[in-house]
C-alpha atoms as a PDB file:
ATOM      1  CA  UNK A   1     -45.758  56.446  -1.705  1.00  0.00           C
ATOM      2  CA  UNK A   2     -42.801  54.514  -3.107  1.00  0.00           C
ATOM      3  CA  UNK A   3     -42.763  50.830  -3.873  1.00  0.00           C
ATOM      4  CA  UNK A   4     -40.180  50.286  -1.128  1.00  0.00           C
ATOM      5  CA  UNK A   5     -42.393  51.855   1.547  1.00  0.00           C
ATOM      6  CA  UNK A   6     -45.309  49.761   0.328  1.00  0.00           C
ATOM      7  CA  UNK A   7     -43.264  46.577   0.583  1.00  0.00           C
ATOM      8  CA  UNK A   8     -41.899  47.537   3.995  1.00  0.00           C
ATOM      9  CA  UNK A   9     -45.429  47.080   5.346  1.00  0.00           C
ATOM     10  CA  UNK A  10     -45.614  43.557   3.907  1.00  0.00           C
ATOM     11  CA  UNK A  11     -45.702  40.896   6.601  1.00  0.00           C
ATOM     12  CA  UNK A  12     -43.516  37.851   6.010  1.00  0.00           C
ATOM     13  CA  UNK A  13     -43.426  34.869   8.349  1.00  0.00           C
ATOM     14  CA  UNK A  14     -40.264  32.739   8.381  1.00  0.00           C
ATOM     15  CA  UNK A  15     -40.410  29.101   9.477  1.00  0.00           C
ATOM     16  CA  UNK A  16     -38.150  26.112   8.867  1.00  0.00           C
ATOM     17  CA  UNK A  17     -37.424  22.583  10.042  1.00  0.00           C
ATOM     18  CA  UNK A  18     -33.690  22.895  10.777  1.00  0.00           C
ATOM     19  CA  UNK A  19     -34.345  24.956  13.901  1.00  0.00           C
ATOM     20  CA  UNK A  20     -34.371  28.636  14.766  1.00  0.00           C
ATOM     21  CA  UNK A  21     -30.563  28.779  15.111  1.00  0.00           C
ATOM     22  CA  UNK A  22     -29.887  27.138  11.727  1.00  0.00           C
ATOM     23  CA  UNK A  23     -27.743  29.130   9.271  1.00  0.00           C
ATOM     24  CA  UNK A  24     -30.283  28.860   6.437  1.00  0.00           C
ATOM     25  CA  UNK A  25     -33.140  30.673   8.142  1.00  0.00           C
ATOM     26  CA  UNK A  26     -30.778  33.249   9.612  1.00  0.00           C
ATOM     27  CA  UNK A  27     -29.257  33.964   6.195  1.00  0.00           C
ATOM     28  CA  UNK A  28     -32.733  34.469   4.756  1.00  0.00           C
ATOM     29  CA  UNK A  29     -33.738  36.699   7.666  1.00  0.00           C
ATOM     30  CA  UNK A  30     -30.667  38.906   7.273  1.00  0.00           C
ATOM     31  CA  UNK A  31     -31.318  39.189   3.530  1.00  0.00           C
ATOM     32  CA  UNK A  32     -34.922  40.400   3.737  1.00  0.00           C
ATOM     33  CA  UNK A  33     -35.294  41.961   7.195  1.00  0.00           C
ATOM     34  CA  UNK A  34     -34.634  45.519   6.008  1.00  0.00           C
ATOM     35  CA  UNK A  35     -37.210  45.264   3.221  1.00  0.00           C
ATOM     36  CA  UNK A  36     -40.226  43.682   4.913  1.00  0.00           C
ATOM     37  CA  UNK A  37     -41.956  43.303   8.265  1.00  0.00           C
ATOM     38  CA  UNK A  38     -40.459  39.918   9.149  1.00  0.00           C
ATOM     39  CA  UNK A  39     -41.385  37.604  12.014  1.00  0.00           C
ATOM     40  CA  UNK A  40     -39.629  34.309  12.769  1.00  0.00           C
ATOM     41  CA  UNK A  41     -41.453  31.378  14.364  1.00  0.00           C
ATOM     42  CA  UNK A  42     -39.272  28.285  14.061  1.00  0.00           C
ATOM     43  CA  UNK A  43     -38.611  25.020  15.887  1.00  0.00           C
ATOM     44  CA  UNK A  44     -36.477  25.105  19.001  1.00  0.00           C
ATOM     45  CA  UNK A  45     -34.483  22.167  17.650  1.00  0.00           C
ATOM     46  CA  UNK A  46     -34.019  20.406  14.326  1.00  0.00           C
ATOM     47  CA  UNK A  47     -37.207  18.725  13.048  1.00  0.00           C
ATOM     48  CA  UNK A  48     -36.026  17.440   9.676  1.00  0.00           C
ATOM     49  CA  UNK A  49     -38.212  14.689   8.249  1.00  0.00           C
ATOM     50  CA  UNK A  50     -41.144  15.595  10.490  1.00  0.00           C
ATOM     51  CA  UNK A  51     -43.426  16.123   7.518  1.00  0.00           C
ATOM     52  CA  UNK A  52     -46.846  17.522   8.422  1.00  0.00           C
ATOM     53  CA  UNK A  53     -46.674  16.151  11.968  1.00  0.00           C
ATOM     54  CA  UNK A  54     -48.362  18.052  14.797  1.00  0.00           C
ATOM     55  CA  UNK A  55     -47.977  18.107  18.576  1.00  0.00           C
ATOM     56  CA  UNK A  56     -51.525  17.132  19.518  1.00  0.00           C
ATOM     57  CA  UNK A  57     -51.711  15.566  22.992  1.00  0.00           C
ATOM     58  CA  UNK A  58     -48.632  17.076  24.652  1.00  0.00           C
ATOM     59  CA  UNK A  59     -47.789  20.596  25.779  1.00  0.00           C
ATOM     60  CA  UNK A  60     -44.833  22.307  24.165  1.00  0.00           C
ATOM     61  CA  UNK A  61     -42.452  25.026  25.245  1.00  0.00           C
ATOM     62  CA  UNK A  62     -42.225  28.395  23.509  1.00  0.00           C
ATOM     63  CA  UNK A  63     -39.237  30.718  23.932  1.00  0.00           C
ATOM     64  CA  UNK A  64     -39.300  34.382  23.007  1.00  0.00           C
ATOM     65  CA  UNK A  65     -36.192  35.342  21.034  1.00  0.00           C
ATOM     66  CA  UNK A  66     -36.211  39.109  20.858  1.00  0.00           C
ATOM     67  CA  UNK A  67     -39.145  41.289  19.891  1.00  0.00           C
ATOM     68  CA  UNK A  68     -40.286  39.391  16.778  1.00  0.00           C
ATOM     69  CA  UNK A  69     -38.814  35.902  17.074  1.00  0.00           C
ATOM     70  CA  UNK A  70     -40.275  32.796  18.715  1.00  0.00           C
ATOM     71  CA  UNK A  71     -38.758  29.338  19.172  1.00  0.00           C
ATOM     72  CA  UNK A  72     -41.365  26.587  19.410  1.00  0.00           C
ATOM     73  CA  UNK A  73     -40.519  23.146  20.782  1.00  0.00           C
ATOM     74  CA  UNK A  74     -42.534  21.462  18.051  1.00  0.00           C
ATOM     75  CA  UNK A  75     -42.805  20.797  14.348  1.00  0.00           C
ATOM     76  CA  UNK A  76     -42.856  23.289  11.468  1.00  0.00           C
ATOM     77  CA  UNK A  77     -46.630  22.815  11.217  1.00  0.00           C
ATOM     78  CA  UNK A  78     -46.876  23.612  14.949  1.00  0.00           C
ATOM     79  CA  UNK A  79     -44.916  26.804  14.300  1.00  0.00           C
ATOM     80  CA  UNK A  80     -47.289  27.960  11.571  1.00  0.00           C
ATOM     81  CA  UNK A  81     -50.358  27.211  13.675  1.00  0.00           C
ATOM     82  CA  UNK A  82     -48.849  28.965  16.701  1.00  0.00           C
ATOM     83  CA  UNK A  83     -47.951  32.049  14.659  1.00  0.00           C
ATOM     84  CA  UNK A  84     -51.420  32.344  13.135  1.00  0.00           C
ATOM     85  CA  UNK A  85     -53.577  31.331  16.090  1.00  0.00           C
ATOM     86  CA  UNK A  86     -51.656  32.444  19.198  1.00  0.00           C
ATOM     87  CA  UNK A  87     -49.953  35.697  18.221  1.00  0.00           C
ATOM     88  CA  UNK A  88     -52.874  38.122  18.514  1.00  0.00           C
ATOM     89  CA  UNK A  89     -54.431  37.438  15.151  1.00  0.00           C
ATOM     90  CA  UNK A  90     -51.150  37.704  13.252  1.00  0.00           C
ATOM     91  CA  UNK A  91     -51.669  37.056   9.533  1.00  0.00           C
ATOM     92  CA  UNK A  92     -48.719  37.367   7.157  1.00  0.00           C
ATOM     93  CA  UNK A  93     -48.939  38.257   3.478  1.00  0.00           C
ATOM     94  CA  UNK A  94     -46.429  35.519   2.662  1.00  0.00           C
ATOM     95  CA  UNK A  95     -44.832  32.564   4.443  1.00  0.00           C
ATOM     96  CA  UNK A  96     -41.274  31.504   3.609  1.00  0.00           C
ATOM     97  CA  UNK A  97     -40.190  28.079   4.867  1.00  0.00           C
ATOM     98  CA  UNK A  98     -36.427  27.520   4.860  1.00  0.00           C
ATOM     99  CA  UNK A  99     -33.736  27.841   3.725  1.00  0.00           C
ATOM    100  CA  UNK A 100     -33.431  24.102   4.228  1.00  0.00           C
ATOM    101  CA  UNK A 101     -30.015  22.487   4.558  1.00  0.00           C
ATOM    102  CA  UNK A 102     -30.520  20.045   1.683  1.00  0.00           C
ATOM    103  CA  UNK A 103     -32.770  19.668  -1.333  1.00  0.00           C
ATOM    104  CA  UNK A 104     -36.460  18.783  -1.211  1.00  0.00           C
ATOM    105  CA  UNK A 105     -37.234  17.277  -4.583  1.00  0.00           C
ATOM    106  CA  UNK A 106     -38.958  14.127  -5.765  1.00  0.00           C
ATOM    107  CA  UNK A 107     -40.351  11.943  -2.988  1.00  0.00           C
ATOM    108  CA  UNK A 108     -38.591  14.029  -0.331  1.00  0.00           C
ATOM    109  CA  UNK A 109     -41.452  16.546  -0.390  1.00  0.00           C
ATOM    110  CA  UNK A 110     -43.714  14.007   1.339  1.00  0.00           C
ATOM    111  CA  UNK A 111     -41.393  13.808   4.361  1.00  0.00           C
ATOM    112  CA  UNK A 112     -39.990  17.318   4.447  1.00  0.00           C
ATOM    113  CA  UNK A 113     -40.746  19.589   7.378  1.00  0.00           C
ATOM    114  CA  UNK A 114     -39.707  22.511   5.174  1.00  0.00           C
ATOM    115  CA  UNK A 115     -42.380  21.675   2.610  1.00  0.00           C
ATOM    116  CA  UNK A 116     -44.849  21.026   5.443  1.00  0.00           C
ATOM    117  CA  UNK A 117     -44.348  24.586   6.706  1.00  0.00           C
ATOM    118  CA  UNK A 118     -45.450  25.945   3.332  1.00  0.00           C
ATOM    119  CA  UNK A 119     -48.256  23.410   3.011  1.00  0.00           C
ATOM    120  CA  UNK A 120     -49.672  24.217   6.449  1.00  0.00           C
ATOM    121  CA  UNK A 121     -49.668  27.896   5.478  1.00  0.00           C
ATOM    122  CA  UNK A 122     -51.603  27.095   2.306  1.00  0.00           C
ATOM    123  CA  UNK A 123     -54.218  25.305   4.452  1.00  0.00           C
ATOM    124  CA  UNK A 124     -54.824  28.724   6.029  1.00  0.00           C
ATOM    125  CA  UNK A 125     -55.223  30.344   2.621  1.00  0.00           C
ATOM    126  CA  UNK A 126     -51.811  32.022   2.646  1.00  0.00           C
ATOM    127  CA  UNK A 127     -49.273  32.329  -0.121  1.00  0.00           C
ATOM    128  CA  UNK A 128     -46.230  30.256   0.763  1.00  0.00           C
ATOM    129  CA  UNK A 129     -42.841  29.217  -0.574  1.00  0.00           C
ATOM    130  CA  UNK A 130     -40.683  26.338   0.626  1.00  0.00           C
ATOM    131  CA  UNK A 131     -37.020  26.928  -0.217  1.00  0.00           C
ATOM    132  CA  UNK A 132     -34.155  24.445  -0.022  1.00  0.00           C
ATOM    133  CA  UNK A 133     -30.470  24.407  -0.882  1.00  0.00           C
ATOM    134  CA  UNK A 134     -29.412  21.222  -2.674  1.00  0.00           C
ATOM    135  CA  UNK A 135     -25.801  20.284  -1.903  1.00  0.00           C
ATOM    136  CA  UNK A 136     -23.243  17.538  -1.671  1.00  0.00           C
ATOM    137  CA  UNK A 137     -22.699  16.157   1.820  1.00  0.00           C
ATOM    138  CA  UNK A 138     -19.388  17.851   2.672  1.00  0.00           C
ATOM    139  CA  UNK A 139     -19.581  20.945   0.484  1.00  0.00           C
ATOM    140  CA  UNK A 140     -19.640  24.580   1.558  1.00  0.00           C
ATOM    141  CA  UNK A 141     -23.204  25.874   1.858  1.00  0.00           C
ATOM    142  CA  UNK A 142     -24.126  28.770  -0.452  1.00  0.00           C
ATOM    143  CA  UNK A 143     -27.200  29.848   1.502  1.00  0.00           C
ATOM    144  CA  UNK A 144     -26.683  33.402   0.271  1.00  0.00           C
ATOM    145  CA  UNK A 145     -27.447  32.252  -3.293  1.00  0.00           C
ATOM    146  CA  UNK A 146     -30.832  30.826  -2.297  1.00  0.00           C
ATOM    147  CA  UNK A 147     -31.570  33.864  -0.134  1.00  0.00           C
ATOM    148  CA  UNK A 148     -30.893  36.239  -3.020  1.00  0.00           C
ATOM    149  CA  UNK A 149     -33.169  34.249  -5.346  1.00  0.00           C
ATOM    150  CA  UNK A 150     -35.954  34.390  -2.753  1.00  0.00           C
ATOM    151  CA  UNK A 151     -35.470  38.116  -2.184  1.00  0.00           C
ATOM    152  CA  UNK A 152     -35.848  38.837  -5.900  1.00  0.00           C
ATOM    153  CA  UNK A 153     -38.896  36.553  -6.229  1.00  0.00           C
ATOM    154  CA  UNK A 154     -40.855  37.903  -3.255  1.00  0.00           C
ATOM    155  CA  UNK A 155     -42.471  40.874  -5.078  1.00  0.00           C
ATOM    156  CA  UNK A 156     -43.605  38.532  -7.847  1.00  0.00           C
ATOM    157  CA  UNK A 157     -44.935  35.983  -5.343  1.00  0.00           C
ATOM    158  CA  UNK A 158     -46.923  38.687  -3.562  1.00  0.00           C
ATOM    159  CA  UNK A 159     -48.638  39.941  -6.714  1.00  0.00           C
ATOM    160  CA  UNK A 160     -48.961  36.770  -8.796  1.00  0.00           C
ATOM    161  CA  UNK A 161     -52.463  35.177  -8.816  1.00  0.00           C
ATOM    162  CA  UNK A 162     -52.526  31.697  -7.345  1.00  0.00           C
ATOM    163  CA  UNK A 163     -55.079  28.912  -7.026  1.00  0.00           C
ATOM    164  CA  UNK A 164     -56.291  28.018  -3.513  1.00  0.00           C
ATOM    165  CA  UNK A 165     -54.600  25.098  -1.723  1.00  0.00           C
ATOM    166  CA  UNK A 166     -51.376  25.438  -3.690  1.00  0.00           C
ATOM    167  CA  UNK A 167     -47.860  26.480  -2.674  1.00  0.00           C
ATOM    168  CA  UNK A 168     -44.463  26.935  -4.279  1.00  0.00           C
ATOM    169  CA  UNK A 169     -41.438  24.679  -3.819  1.00  0.00           C
ATOM    170  CA  UNK A 170     -38.041  26.193  -4.686  1.00  0.00           C
ATOM    171  CA  UNK A 171     -34.799  24.231  -4.844  1.00  0.00           C
ATOM    172  CA  UNK A 172     -31.533  26.051  -5.489  1.00  0.00           C
ATOM    173  CA  UNK A 173     -28.247  24.382  -6.456  1.00  0.00           C
ATOM    174  CA  UNK A 174     -25.326  24.924  -4.109  1.00  0.00           C
ATOM    175  CA  UNK A 175     -23.360  27.303  -6.325  1.00  0.00           C
ATOM    176  CA  UNK A 176     -22.552  31.012  -6.266  1.00  0.00           C
ATOM    177  CA  UNK A 177     -25.285  33.268  -7.599  1.00  0.00           C
ATOM    178  CA  UNK A 178     -23.400  34.294 -10.747  1.00  0.00           C
ATOM    179  CA  UNK A 179     -23.143  30.638 -11.811  1.00  0.00           C
ATOM    180  CA  UNK A 180     -26.918  30.042 -11.727  1.00  0.00           C
ATOM    181  CA  UNK A 181     -28.202  29.231 -15.206  1.00  0.00           C
ATOM    182  CA  UNK A 182     -31.738  30.439 -14.566  1.00  0.00           C
ATOM    183  CA  UNK A 183     -34.957  29.553 -12.777  1.00  0.00           C
ATOM    184  CA  UNK A 184     -37.056  26.824 -14.371  1.00  0.00           C
ATOM    185  CA  UNK A 185     -40.677  25.866 -13.773  1.00  0.00           C
ATOM    186  CA  UNK A 186     -40.388  22.169 -13.072  1.00  0.00           C
ATOM    187  CA  UNK A 187     -42.456  19.061 -12.593  1.00  0.00           C
ATOM    188  CA  UNK A 188     -42.404  17.359  -9.195  1.00  0.00           C
ATOM    189  CA  UNK A 189     -40.075  14.435  -9.808  1.00  0.00           C
ATOM    190  CA  UNK A 190     -39.930  10.915  -8.366  1.00  0.00           C
ATOM    191  CA  UNK A 191     -36.372  10.602  -7.072  1.00  0.00           C
ATOM    192  CA  UNK A 192     -35.857   9.103  -3.622  1.00  0.00           C
ATOM    193  CA  UNK A 193     -33.218   8.307  -1.014  1.00  0.00           C
ATOM    194  CA  UNK A 194     -32.226   4.733  -0.319  1.00  0.00           C
ATOM    195  CA  UNK A 195     -33.071   3.310   3.102  1.00  0.00           C
ATOM    196  CA  UNK A 196     -30.087   1.619   4.739  1.00  0.00           C
ATOM    197  CA  UNK A 197     -30.260   0.606   8.398  1.00  0.00           C
ATOM    198  CA  UNK A 198     -27.256   0.052  10.638  1.00  0.00           C
ATOM    199  CA  UNK A 199     -27.009  -1.123  14.247  1.00  0.00           C
ATOM    200  CA  UNK A 200     -25.608   1.713  16.333  1.00  0.00           C
ATOM    201  CA  UNK A 201     -25.588  -0.050  19.711  1.00  0.00           C
ATOM    202  CA  UNK A 202     -26.745  -3.166  21.546  1.00  0.00           C
ATOM    203  CA  UNK A 203     -27.524  -3.396  25.261  1.00  0.00           C
ATOM    204  CA  UNK A 204     -28.716  -6.614  26.907  1.00  0.00           C
ATOM    205  CA  UNK A 205     -29.981  -7.991  23.619  1.00  0.00           C
ATOM    206  CA  UNK A 206     -31.852  -4.812  22.681  1.00  0.00           C
ATOM    207  CA  UNK A 207     -30.842  -3.256  19.367  1.00  0.00           C
ATOM    208  CA  UNK A 208     -30.829   0.383  18.293  1.00  0.00           C
ATOM    209  CA  UNK A 209     -30.854   1.064  14.565  1.00  0.00           C
ATOM    210  CA  UNK A 210     -30.310   4.220  12.532  1.00  0.00           C
ATOM    211  CA  UNK A 211     -31.329   4.937   8.963  1.00  0.00           C
ATOM    212  CA  UNK A 212     -28.017   5.771   7.268  1.00  0.00           C
ATOM    213  CA  UNK A 213     -29.305   5.849   3.703  1.00  0.00           C
ATOM    214  CA  UNK A 214     -28.028   9.011   2.022  1.00  0.00           C
ATOM    215  CA  UNK A 215     -27.787   7.970  -1.624  1.00  0.00           C
ATOM    216  CA  UNK A 216     -30.231   9.716  -3.937  1.00  0.00           C
ATOM    217  CA  UNK A 217     -31.764   7.524  -6.640  1.00  0.00           C
ATOM    218  CA  UNK A 218     -32.897   9.230  -9.831  1.00  0.00           C
ATOM    219  CA  UNK A 219     -35.773   7.435 -11.558  1.00  0.00           C
ATOM    220  CA  UNK A 220     -36.858   7.872 -15.192  1.00  0.00           C
ATOM    221  CA  UNK A 221     -38.418  11.328 -15.232  1.00  0.00           C
ATOM    222  CA  UNK A 222     -39.617  13.961 -17.679  1.00  0.00           C
ATOM    223  CA  UNK A 223     -36.915  16.333 -18.843  1.00  0.00           C
ATOM    224  CA  UNK A 224     -38.398  19.176 -16.770  1.00  0.00           C
ATOM    225  CA  UNK A 225     -38.228  17.438 -13.377  1.00  0.00           C
ATOM    226  CA  UNK A 226     -36.982  19.308 -10.301  1.00  0.00           C
ATOM    227  CA  UNK A 227     -33.939  17.059  -9.848  1.00  0.00           C
ATOM    228  CA  UNK A 228     -32.740  17.420 -13.420  1.00  0.00           C
ATOM    229  CA  UNK A 229     -33.089  21.207 -13.345  1.00  0.00           C
ATOM    230  CA  UNK A 230     -30.949  21.491 -10.204  1.00  0.00           C
ATOM    231  CA  UNK A 231     -28.378  19.052 -11.620  1.00  0.00           C
ATOM    232  CA  UNK A 232     -28.107  21.426 -14.602  1.00  0.00           C
ATOM    233  CA  UNK A 233     -27.303  24.358 -12.246  1.00  0.00           C
ATOM    234  CA  UNK A 234     -30.745  25.943 -12.534  1.00  0.00           C
ATOM    235  CA  UNK A 235     -33.065  26.742  -9.665  1.00  0.00           C
ATOM    236  CA  UNK A 236     -36.202  24.606  -9.703  1.00  0.00           C
ATOM    237  CA  UNK A 237     -39.585  26.204  -8.951  1.00  0.00           C
ATOM    238  CA  UNK A 238     -42.701  24.017  -8.773  1.00  0.00           C
ATOM    239  CA  UNK A 239     -46.294  24.853  -7.895  1.00  0.00           C
ATOM    240  CA  UNK A 240     -47.645  22.003  -5.765  1.00  0.00           C
ATOM    241  CA  UNK A 241     -51.223  21.326  -4.735  1.00  0.00           C
ATOM    242  CA  UNK A 242     -52.803  19.545  -1.792  1.00  0.00           C
ATOM    243  CA  UNK A 243     -55.646  17.964  -3.780  1.00  0.00           C
ATOM    244  CA  UNK A 244     -54.165  14.545  -4.550  1.00  0.00           C
ATOM    245  CA  UNK A 245     -57.256  13.320  -6.404  1.00  0.00           C
ATOM    246  CA  UNK A 246     -56.762  11.821  -9.869  1.00  0.00           C
ATOM    247  CA  UNK A 247     -59.253  13.343 -12.302  1.00  0.00           C
ATOM    248  CA  UNK A 248     -61.179  10.796 -14.347  1.00  0.00           C
ATOM    249  CA  UNK A 249     -63.493  11.237 -17.321  1.00  0.00           C
ATOM    250  CA  UNK A 250     -67.099  11.330 -16.134  1.00  0.00           C
ATOM    251  CA  UNK A 251     -68.035   8.211 -18.086  1.00  0.00           C
ATOM    252  CA  UNK A 252     -65.245   6.249 -16.364  1.00  0.00           C
ATOM    253  CA  UNK A 253     -66.327   7.550 -12.943  1.00  0.00           C
ATOM    254  CA  UNK A 254     -69.979   6.570 -13.462  1.00  0.00           C
ATOM    255  CA  UNK A 255     -69.007   3.130 -14.776  1.00  0.00           C
ATOM    256  CA  UNK A 256     -66.877   2.452 -11.716  1.00  0.00           C
ATOM    257  CA  UNK A 257     -69.569   3.700  -9.337  1.00  0.00           C
ATOM    258  CA  UNK A 258     -72.139   1.324 -10.875  1.00  0.00           C
ATOM    259  CA  UNK A 259     -69.664  -1.541 -10.556  1.00  0.00           C
ATOM    260  CA  UNK A 260     -68.966  -0.717  -6.910  1.00  0.00           C
ATOM    261  CA  UNK A 261     -72.666  -0.398  -6.057  1.00  0.00           C
ATOM    262  CA  UNK A 262     -73.461  -3.797  -7.580  1.00  0.00           C
ATOM    263  CA  UNK A 263     -70.594  -5.468  -5.733  1.00  0.00           C
ATOM    264  CA  UNK A 264     -71.307  -3.871  -2.347  1.00  0.00           C
ATOM    265  CA  UNK A 265     -75.114  -3.571  -2.304  1.00  0.00           C
ATOM    266  CA  UNK A 266     -76.218  -6.217  -4.803  1.00  0.00           C
ATOM    267  CA  UNK A 267     -77.739  -5.857  -8.276  1.00  0.00           C
ATOM    268  CA  UNK A 268     -81.311  -5.179  -7.066  1.00  0.00           C
ATOM    269  CA  UNK A 269     -80.634  -2.117  -4.953  1.00  0.00           C
ATOM    270  CA  UNK A 270     -81.778   1.153  -6.476  1.00  0.00           C
ATOM    271  CA  UNK A 271     -79.115   3.823  -6.586  1.00  0.00           C
ATOM    272  CA  UNK A 272     -79.802   7.034  -4.681  1.00  0.00           C
ATOM    273  CA  UNK A 273     -80.723   9.955  -6.923  1.00  0.00           C
ATOM    274  CA  UNK A 274     -77.785  12.187  -7.840  1.00  0.00           C
END
């Protein structure tokens, strides 16, 4: 059996936050559809900035788009849950979330629906990659560059060992493939977008505001941050984890616990045995 026939049996789930009709996810689908068993489950409409939000108390519509495609009137996390729990026990070998229309680096990962699609997949124990195209506001979109990078990385992603509760975050600069200067393993940076609010209309004394902040602020970062790699025309690849706990030396932990116990329960209370 050839490698190609082996890979053709590989199940890949595509999700995004720009919506099922967005050019990024369609470019990625067209790039890999002939090589893998691909299924698309994506939002019916754009859900950018939805983060890990879920539709909990309301019903949502689902549209069938052909034999293997579903449009879900919900968030990217809804799409992942629907694909895994409602589609007859469907379980992909890999989840690809994107290609997002815009970068997801620095603090953006905490708000990104694209990143949330990969994170939700990791909650289910699946390998996942969030992929975004970083671009200037009015520039032509080189989605095909990001799609080609993903296509070449998929075999490695499928076979590379990975710790539980982790997922990959890929950001690709908006340039043609031949101008890419490489793929760099990067540190999750701390850049952020400014928040600027403008009044868009006023009716009978009631005001409607819109966040119009679009300026990215680079903060002092290590030289291997995601933002700096993309600014240098390299693709940025980071392995992110969901365990946000800060590890402390055991002696520091025990000292703090004793301090807390004395403050909360008083100095005479005996600590429970460990």
